[in-house]
Amino acid sequence: MRRTTSGTLDQAPEYAQPAGTADLAAAPAARDTLRTEFPFVLPRGYVDPAGVVHRDGVMRLATARDELVPLRDDRVRENPAYLTVVLLGRVVTRLGSHTDIHAGVIEDLFAADLAFLQDLYRRVNQEGHTRAGVNCPECGHAFAVDLAGGRLGES
């Protein structure tokens, strides 16, 4: 129970109580959902062997295995910078209509797209979201943008 501004008692939702005081079984179902896939739009796009450009895709959350398996890859042992390519090949699940994503596909991305996916990977797996704080260059107003969001002009 909590006291409202008018002085009356109001029952606060369980999820607003201090940690350890609420019955976990009674917590809202929304807390149990975990977002595991993150759609994105590449800045330039993947050009497939037929010359078709694919800009939209999906990245999933990485597992411990995703981060460990590439360490045994000979390409990574020879060149540690290749770790990013192998890792992204495991967690990017779709580029346009292509669902067979592997290191060879990631190798063919433009540098801007590779940098975009590296940043998206870091945000999704370390920070848990795809938002970035930015400031307007004109007025300095701070706001958040969704890096994985839609095309320009969409909200």
C-alpha atoms as a PDB file:
ATOM      1  CA  MET A   1       0.000   0.000   0.000  1.00  0.00           C
ATOM      2  CA  ARG A   2       1.138   3.545  -0.677  1.00  0.00           C
ATOM      3  CA  ARG A   3      -0.259   6.964   0.112  1.00  0.00           C
ATOM      4  CA  THR A   4      -1.400   8.981  -2.927  1.00  0.00           C
ATOM      5  CA  THR A   5      -1.053  12.763  -3.262  1.00  0.00           C
ATOM      6  CA  SER A   6      -4.645  13.139  -2.048  1.00  0.00           C
ATOM      7  CA  GLY A   7      -3.793  11.288   1.173  1.00  0.00           C
ATOM      8  CA  THR A   8      -5.743   8.106   0.378  1.00  0.00           C
ATOM      9  CA  LEU A   9      -4.184   4.653   0.385  1.00  0.00           C
ATOM     10  CA  ASP A  10      -3.611   2.992  -2.957  1.00  0.00           C
ATOM     11  CA  GLN A  11      -2.168  -0.445  -3.639  1.00  0.00           C
ATOM     12  CA  ALA A  12       1.006  -0.270  -5.724  1.00  0.00           C
ATOM     13  CA  PRO A  13       1.597  -2.942  -8.341  1.00  0.00           C
ATOM     14  CA  GLU A  14       3.791  -5.827  -7.135  1.00  0.00           C
ATOM     15  CA  TYR A  15       6.513  -5.187  -9.673  1.00  0.00           C
ATOM     16  CA  ALA A  16       7.028  -1.697  -8.210  1.00  0.00           C
ATOM     17  CA  GLN A  17       7.909  -3.021  -4.758  1.00  0.00           C
ATOM     18  CA  PRO A  18      11.521  -3.255  -3.617  1.00  0.00           C
ATOM     19  CA  ALA A  19      13.441  -6.317  -4.784  1.00  0.00           C
ATOM     20  CA  GLY A  20      12.710  -9.436  -2.786  1.00  0.00           C
ATOM     21  CA  THR A  21       9.383  -8.255  -1.375  1.00  0.00           C
ATOM     22  CA  ALA A  22       7.071  -9.346  -4.179  1.00  0.00           C
ATOM     23  CA  ASP A  23       5.961 -12.868  -4.884  1.00  0.00           C
ATOM     24  CA  LEU A  24       7.808 -13.720  -8.097  1.00  0.00           C
ATOM     25  CA  ALA A  25       5.046 -16.069  -9.215  1.00  0.00           C
ATOM     26  CA  ALA A  26       2.600 -13.170  -9.194  1.00  0.00           C
ATOM     27  CA  ALA A  27       4.822 -10.818 -11.249  1.00  0.00           C
ATOM     28  CA  PRO A  28       3.358  -9.580 -14.530  1.00  0.00           C
ATOM     29  CA  ALA A  29       3.790 -11.927 -17.489  1.00  0.00           C
ATOM     30  CA  ALA A  30       5.467  -9.145 -19.492  1.00  0.00           C
ATOM     31  CA  ARG A  31       8.535  -9.464 -17.290  1.00  0.00           C
ATOM     32  CA  ASP A  32       8.959 -13.086 -18.408  1.00  0.00           C
ATOM     33  CA  THR A  33       9.313 -12.255 -22.095  1.00  0.00           C
ATOM     34  CA  LEU A  34      12.769 -11.896 -23.569  1.00  0.00           C
ATOM     35  CA  ARG A  35      13.406 -10.282 -26.902  1.00  0.00           C
ATOM     36  CA  THR A  36      15.854 -12.542 -28.741  1.00  0.00           C
ATOM     37  CA  GLU A  37      15.681 -11.258 -32.325  1.00  0.00           C
ATOM     38  CA  PHE A  38      16.432  -7.747 -33.516  1.00  0.00           C
ATOM     39  CA  PRO A  39      15.513  -6.579 -37.022  1.00  0.00           C
ATOM     40  CA  PHE A  40      17.854  -4.063 -38.643  1.00  0.00           C
ATOM     41  CA  VAL A  41      18.423  -2.125 -41.856  1.00  0.00           C
ATOM     42  CA  LEU A  42      21.997  -1.971 -43.170  1.00  0.00           C
ATOM     43  CA  PRO A  43      23.341   1.447 -44.195  1.00  0.00           C
ATOM     44  CA  ARG A  44      24.546   0.186 -47.608  1.00  0.00           C
ATOM     45  CA  GLY A  45      23.313  -3.385 -48.015  1.00  0.00           C
ATOM     46  CA  TYR A  46      24.558  -6.844 -48.868  1.00  0.00           C
ATOM     47  CA  VAL A  47      24.976  -7.428 -52.605  1.00  0.00           C
ATOM     48  CA  ASP A  48      24.328 -11.092 -53.370  1.00  0.00           C
ATOM     49  CA  PRO A  49      26.006 -12.994 -56.241  1.00  0.00           C
ATOM     50  CA  ALA A  50      23.081 -12.087 -58.547  1.00  0.00           C
ATOM     51  CA  GLY A  51      23.642  -8.372 -57.862  1.00  0.00           C
ATOM     52  CA  VAL A  52      20.537  -7.909 -55.711  1.00  0.00           C
ATOM     53  CA  VAL A  53      20.951  -5.545 -52.748  1.00  0.00           C
ATOM     54  CA  HIS A  54      19.541  -6.695 -49.389  1.00  0.00           C
ATOM     55  CA  ARG A  55      19.368  -4.118 -46.589  1.00  0.00           C
ATOM     56  CA  ASP A  56      16.953  -5.582 -44.045  1.00  0.00           C
ATOM     57  CA  GLY A  57      17.951  -8.420 -41.764  1.00  0.00           C
ATOM     58  CA  VAL A  58      17.669 -10.013 -38.354  1.00  0.00           C
ATOM     59  CA  MET A  59      20.235 -10.578 -35.617  1.00  0.00           C
ATOM     60  CA  ARG A  60      19.582 -12.867 -32.681  1.00  0.00           C
ATOM     61  CA  LEU A  61      21.033 -12.726 -29.193  1.00  0.00           C
ATOM     62  CA  ALA A  62      24.383 -14.491 -28.896  1.00  0.00           C
ATOM     63  CA  THR A  63      24.824 -17.542 -26.708  1.00  0.00           C
ATOM     64  CA  ALA A  64      27.948 -18.539 -24.822  1.00  0.00           C
ATOM     65  CA  ARG A  65      28.553 -21.130 -27.546  1.00  0.00           C
ATOM     66  CA  ASP A  66      28.412 -18.414 -30.215  1.00  0.00           C
ATOM     67  CA  GLU A  67      31.265 -16.632 -28.487  1.00  0.00           C
ATOM     68  CA  LEU A  68      33.318 -19.748 -27.696  1.00  0.00           C
ATOM     69  CA  VAL A  69      33.142 -21.779 -30.924  1.00  0.00           C
ATOM     70  CA  PRO A  70      34.873 -19.133 -33.094  1.00  0.00           C
ATOM     71  CA  LEU A  71      37.891 -19.233 -30.775  1.00  0.00           C
ATOM     72  CA  ARG A  72      38.592 -22.755 -32.079  1.00  0.00           C
ATOM     73  CA  ASP A  73      38.345 -21.629 -35.713  1.00  0.00           C
ATOM     74  CA  ASP A  74      41.740 -21.737 -37.491  1.00  0.00           C
ATOM     75  CA  ARG A  75      40.951 -18.482 -39.323  1.00  0.00           C
ATOM     76  CA  VAL A  76      40.489 -16.738 -35.973  1.00  0.00           C
ATOM     77  CA  ARG A  77      43.658 -18.328 -34.539  1.00  0.00           C
ATOM     78  CA  GLU A  78      45.643 -17.013 -37.496  1.00  0.00           C
ATOM     79  CA  ASN A  79      44.005 -13.587 -37.464  1.00  0.00           C
ATOM     80  CA  PRO A  80      42.151 -12.555 -34.262  1.00  0.00           C
ATOM     81  CA  ALA A  81      40.385  -9.750 -36.157  1.00  0.00           C
ATOM     82  CA  TYR A  82      38.475 -12.465 -38.044  1.00  0.00           C
ATOM     83  CA  LEU A  83      36.594 -13.268 -34.825  1.00  0.00           C
ATOM     84  CA  THR A  84      34.049 -10.557 -35.638  1.00  0.00           C
ATOM     85  CA  VAL A  85      33.335 -12.061 -39.051  1.00  0.00           C
ATOM     86  CA  VAL A  86      32.803 -15.581 -37.688  1.00  0.00           C
ATOM     87  CA  LEU A  87      30.730 -14.355 -34.748  1.00  0.00           C
ATOM     88  CA  LEU A  88      28.439 -12.215 -36.900  1.00  0.00           C
ATOM     89  CA  GLY A  89      28.065 -15.132 -39.297  1.00  0.00           C
ATOM     90  CA  ARG A  90      26.594 -17.102 -36.393  1.00  0.00           C
ATOM     91  CA  VAL A  91      24.156 -14.491 -35.020  1.00  0.00           C
ATOM     92  CA  VAL A  92      22.872 -12.778 -38.174  1.00  0.00           C
ATOM     93  CA  THR A  93      20.027 -15.070 -39.180  1.00  0.00           C
ATOM     94  CA  ARG A  94      18.706 -13.272 -42.244  1.00  0.00           C
ATOM     95  CA  LEU A  95      19.815 -10.715 -44.827  1.00  0.00           C
ATOM     96  CA  GLY A  96      16.984  -9.912 -47.199  1.00  0.00           C
ATOM     97  CA  SER A  97      15.728 -13.228 -48.508  1.00  0.00           C
ATOM     98  CA  HIS A  98      18.951 -15.054 -47.569  1.00  0.00           C
ATOM     99  CA  THR A  99      18.803 -17.243 -44.478  1.00  0.00           C
ATOM    100  CA  ASP A 100      22.070 -19.164 -44.986  1.00  0.00           C
ATOM    101  CA  ILE A 101      24.310 -16.569 -43.364  1.00  0.00           C
ATOM    102  CA  HIS A 102      27.920 -17.544 -42.671  1.00  0.00           C
ATOM    103  CA  ALA A 103      31.373 -15.946 -42.459  1.00  0.00           C
ATOM    104  CA  GLY A 104      31.636 -15.813 -46.262  1.00  0.00           C
ATOM    105  CA  VAL A 105      28.517 -13.652 -46.476  1.00  0.00           C
ATOM    106  CA  ILE A 106      29.769 -11.341 -43.725  1.00  0.00           C
ATOM    107  CA  GLU A 107      33.112 -11.022 -45.558  1.00  0.00           C
ATOM    108  CA  ASP A 108      31.256  -9.613 -48.565  1.00  0.00           C
ATOM    109  CA  LEU A 109      29.614  -6.782 -46.613  1.00  0.00           C
ATOM    110  CA  PHE A 110      30.761  -3.212 -47.113  1.00  0.00           C
ATOM    111  CA  ALA A 111      32.903  -1.822 -44.277  1.00  0.00           C
ATOM    112  CA  ALA A 112      30.096   0.523 -43.157  1.00  0.00           C
ATOM    113  CA  ASP A 113      27.696  -2.407 -42.846  1.00  0.00           C
ATOM    114  CA  LEU A 114      30.238  -4.482 -40.909  1.00  0.00           C
ATOM    115  CA  ALA A 115      30.803  -1.585 -38.493  1.00  0.00           C
ATOM    116  CA  PHE A 116      27.025  -1.166 -38.130  1.00  0.00           C
ATOM    117  CA  LEU A 117      26.569  -4.864 -37.283  1.00  0.00           C
ATOM    118  CA  GLN A 118      29.463  -4.810 -34.806  1.00  0.00           C
ATOM    119  CA  ASP A 119      27.848  -1.904 -32.974  1.00  0.00           C
ATOM    120  CA  LEU A 120      24.421  -3.546 -33.091  1.00  0.00           C
ATOM    121  CA  TYR A 121      25.910  -6.781 -31.707  1.00  0.00           C
ATOM    122  CA  ARG A 122      27.510  -4.894 -28.819  1.00  0.00           C
ATOM    123  CA  ARG A 123      24.322  -2.996 -28.007  1.00  0.00           C
ATOM    124  CA  VAL A 124      22.070  -6.053 -28.175  1.00  0.00           C
ATOM    125  CA  ASN A 125      24.317  -8.417 -26.228  1.00  0.00           C
ATOM    126  CA  GLN A 126      25.913  -6.090 -23.691  1.00  0.00           C
ATOM    127  CA  GLU A 127      23.384  -3.320 -23.198  1.00  0.00           C
ATOM    128  CA  GLY A 128      20.207  -5.278 -23.990  1.00  0.00           C
ATOM    129  CA  HIS A 129      18.726  -2.763 -26.445  1.00  0.00           C
ATOM    130  CA  THR A 130      19.383  -1.105 -29.797  1.00  0.00           C
ATOM    131  CA  ARG A 131      18.870   2.514 -28.751  1.00  0.00           C
ATOM    132  CA  ALA A 132      21.593   5.143 -28.839  1.00  0.00           C
ATOM    133  CA  GLY A 133      21.562   8.573 -27.265  1.00  0.00           C
ATOM    134  CA  VAL A 134      22.244  11.387 -29.715  1.00  0.00           C
ATOM    135  CA  ASN A 135      22.171  15.177 -29.711  1.00  0.00           C
ATOM    136  CA  CYS A 136      20.713  17.432 -32.381  1.00  0.00           C
ATOM    137  CA  PRO A 137      23.604  19.285 -34.045  1.00  0.00           C
ATOM    138  CA  GLU A 138      21.448  22.433 -34.371  1.00  0.00           C
ATOM    139  CA  CYS A 139      19.917  22.879 -30.927  1.00  0.00           C
ATOM    140  CA  GLY A 140      21.768  20.310 -28.837  1.00  0.00           C
ATOM    141  CA  HIS A 141      18.513  18.580 -27.756  1.00  0.00           C
ATOM    142  CA  ALA A 142      19.246  15.037 -26.534  1.00  0.00           C
ATOM    143  CA  PHE A 143      17.066  12.164 -27.712  1.00  0.00           C
ATOM    144  CA  ALA A 144      17.274   8.424 -28.407  1.00  0.00           C
ATOM    145  CA  VAL A 145      17.216   6.691 -31.767  1.00  0.00           C
ATOM    146  CA  ASP A 146      16.730   2.995 -32.444  1.00  0.00           C
ATOM    147  CA  LEU A 147      19.726   1.819 -34.452  1.00  0.00           C
ATOM    148  CA  ALA A 148      17.901  -1.272 -35.597  1.00  0.00           C
ATOM    149  CA  GLY A 149      14.829   0.751 -36.538  1.00  0.00           C
ATOM    150  CA  GLY A 150      13.167   1.248 -39.882  1.00  0.00           C
ATOM    151  CA  ARG A 151      14.085   3.372 -42.832  1.00  0.00           C
ATOM    152  CA  LEU A 152      14.452   7.138 -42.731  1.00  0.00           C
ATOM    153  CA  GLY A 153      11.191   8.891 -42.037  1.00  0.00           C
ATOM    154  CA  GLU A 154       9.588   5.917 -40.297  1.00  0.00           C
ATOM    155  CA  SER A 155       8.760   6.020 -36.627  1.00  0.00           C
END
